[in-house]
Amino acid sequence: MAGREIRHVVTGVEPGATQQTEAWHPVLRPHPVTGRVALYLSTPQRCVEVSGLSEPDSRELVERLYEHSTTHDATTLRHQWEVGDVVVWDNGCVLHKADHSGVVGDRVMHRGMVDGYGPR
C-alpha cells in the first residue's frame, strides 16, 4: 500500500451541481499530530482508481478497505442522534459514514478545516 494513491472523484457536491472534481491522494498517510498511519479513503463510488492496479483490482481493493473501515466494532463509532447533540471528529483518523435511518427532522453539519493539514 505504501506509495500507492487513490483517485477520488466527487460529482454534484452542491445541490443541482453537475461539475466533477477529482484528486489523487495517498492510500496511507501519517496523522500530523500523532504520526499514526491512517487510510485516506471515501466511498467505493468515489474512490475510482488505485495507482498501479487494474480497474477490477482497484475496485476490489477499495471495497475491501471500505468494508474493513466501516463494519468492525474496533474501527466504527455508531452514534444515535438526539435533539441537541454535537459530535466532533477528526477526519484524519475517522471515516464518517452517515446512517440516516431513523432520523426525523433536519440536522446541521458544519465542516471546519485546519490550514496545513492536507492529504499528504
Protein backbone atom coordinates (compact mmCIF):
# COMPACT_ATOMS: atom_id res chain seq x y z
CA MET A 1 0.00 0.00 0.00
CA ALA A 2 2.86 2.37 0.70
CA GLY A 3 3.41 4.63 -2.29
CA ARG A 4 0.02 3.90 -3.87
CA GLU A 5 -2.55 6.60 -4.47
CA ILE A 6 -6.32 6.58 -4.94
CA ARG A 7 -8.13 8.82 -7.41
CA HIS A 8 -11.10 10.36 -5.57
CA VAL A 9 -13.94 11.67 -7.77
CA VAL A 10 -16.86 13.70 -6.46
CA THR A 11 -19.84 14.80 -8.55
CA GLY A 12 -22.64 17.12 -7.53
CA VAL A 13 -21.38 18.13 -4.10
CA GLU A 14 -23.71 21.11 -4.14
CA PRO A 15 -27.42 20.53 -4.85
CA GLY A 16 -28.00 20.77 -8.60
CA ALA A 17 -24.27 20.90 -9.35
CA THR A 18 -23.01 18.88 -12.29
CA GLN A 19 -19.30 19.72 -12.16
CA GLN A 20 -16.93 16.96 -11.19
CA THR A 21 -13.84 17.35 -9.08
CA GLU A 22 -11.12 14.80 -8.62
CA ALA A 23 -7.78 14.44 -6.91
CA TRP A 24 -5.15 11.79 -6.27
CA HIS A 25 -4.39 11.15 -2.60
CA PRO A 26 -2.07 8.64 -0.94
CA VAL A 27 -3.82 5.49 0.30
CA LEU A 28 -1.89 5.74 3.56
CA ARG A 29 -0.88 8.93 5.34
CA PRO A 30 0.51 9.78 8.76
CA HIS A 31 -1.63 11.83 11.14
CA PRO A 32 0.12 15.22 11.52
CA VAL A 33 -0.08 15.16 15.33
CA THR A 34 0.19 11.51 16.36
CA GLY A 35 2.12 10.18 13.36
CA ARG A 36 -0.19 7.14 13.29
CA VAL A 37 -0.75 5.92 9.74
CA ALA A 38 -4.36 6.01 8.54
CA LEU A 39 -6.26 5.21 5.36
CA TYR A 40 -7.25 8.16 3.19
CA LEU A 41 -10.50 6.73 1.89
CA SER A 42 -14.02 7.62 0.87
CA THR A 43 -16.88 5.54 -0.51
CA PRO A 44 -16.11 2.96 -3.22
CA GLN A 45 -18.23 5.05 -5.62
CA ARG A 46 -15.86 7.99 -5.12
CA CYS A 47 -12.56 6.07 -4.99
CA VAL A 48 -12.40 5.07 -8.62
CA GLU A 49 -8.80 4.03 -9.22
CA VAL A 50 -5.71 2.87 -7.32
CA SER A 51 -2.36 3.69 -8.89
CA GLY A 52 -0.64 0.70 -10.44
CA LEU A 53 -3.73 -1.54 -10.33
CA SER A 54 -6.21 -2.58 -12.99
CA GLU A 55 -9.81 -1.35 -12.76
CA PRO A 56 -11.12 -4.66 -11.28
CA ASP A 57 -8.23 -4.90 -8.81
CA SER A 58 -8.69 -1.24 -7.82
CA ARG A 59 -12.40 -1.77 -7.22
CA GLU A 60 -11.78 -4.93 -5.17
CA LEU A 61 -9.12 -3.28 -3.01
CA VAL A 62 -11.18 -0.16 -2.32
CA GLU A 63 -14.25 -2.24 -1.45
CA ARG A 64 -12.19 -4.40 0.94
CA LEU A 65 -10.64 -1.37 2.64
CA TYR A 66 -14.03 0.35 2.93
CA GLU A 67 -15.66 -2.79 4.32
CA HIS A 68 -12.87 -3.14 6.89
CA SER A 69 -13.15 0.54 7.85
CA THR A 70 -16.91 0.65 8.31
CA THR A 71 -18.12 -2.69 9.63
CA HIS A 72 -15.86 -3.71 12.50
CA ASP A 73 -16.65 -2.62 16.05
CA ALA A 74 -12.99 -1.74 16.67
CA THR A 75 -12.98 0.80 13.82
CA THR A 76 -16.55 2.12 13.91
CA LEU A 77 -18.39 4.56 16.14
CA ARG A 78 -22.16 4.39 15.96
CA HIS A 79 -24.00 7.45 17.22
CA GLN A 80 -27.74 7.54 17.88
CA TRP A 81 -28.74 11.14 17.20
CA GLU A 82 -30.87 13.02 19.68
CA VAL A 83 -32.01 16.64 19.68
CA GLY A 84 -29.21 18.93 20.83
CA ASP A 85 -26.34 16.54 20.08
CA VAL A 86 -22.98 17.92 18.99
CA VAL A 87 -20.48 15.44 17.58
CA VAL A 88 -16.92 16.31 16.59
CA TRP A 89 -14.43 14.04 14.86
CA ASP A 90 -11.07 14.25 13.14
CA ASN A 91 -11.32 13.17 9.51
CA GLY A 92 -7.60 12.41 9.64
CA CYS A 93 -8.31 9.27 11.65
CA VAL A 94 -12.07 8.61 11.39
CA LEU A 95 -14.12 7.78 8.31
CA HIS A 96 -17.54 9.43 8.52
CA LYS A 97 -20.30 7.16 7.27
CA ALA A 98 -23.71 8.69 7.82
CA ASP A 99 -26.63 6.47 8.75
CA HIS A 100 -29.79 8.45 8.07
CA SER A 101 -32.18 5.68 9.09
CA GLY A 102 -34.44 6.82 11.87
CA VAL A 103 -33.51 10.48 11.51
CA VAL A 104 -36.52 12.76 11.89
CA GLY A 105 -36.20 16.43 11.03
CA ASP A 106 -33.15 18.34 9.92
CA ARG A 107 -29.57 18.02 11.06
CA VAL A 108 -27.00 20.74 10.51
CA MET A 109 -23.42 19.79 9.74
CA HIS A 110 -20.56 22.29 9.81
CA ARG A 111 -17.15 21.41 8.49
CA GLY A 112 -14.05 23.05 9.90
CA MET A 113 -10.67 22.75 8.25
CA VAL A 114 -7.22 23.34 9.69
CA ASP A 115 -4.65 25.04 7.47
CA GLY A 116 -1.69 22.87 6.63
CA TYR A 117 -3.49 19.64 7.42
CA GLY A 118 -3.77 18.35 3.88
CA PRO A 119 -3.96 14.85 2.50
CA ARG A 120 -0.18 14.42 2.18
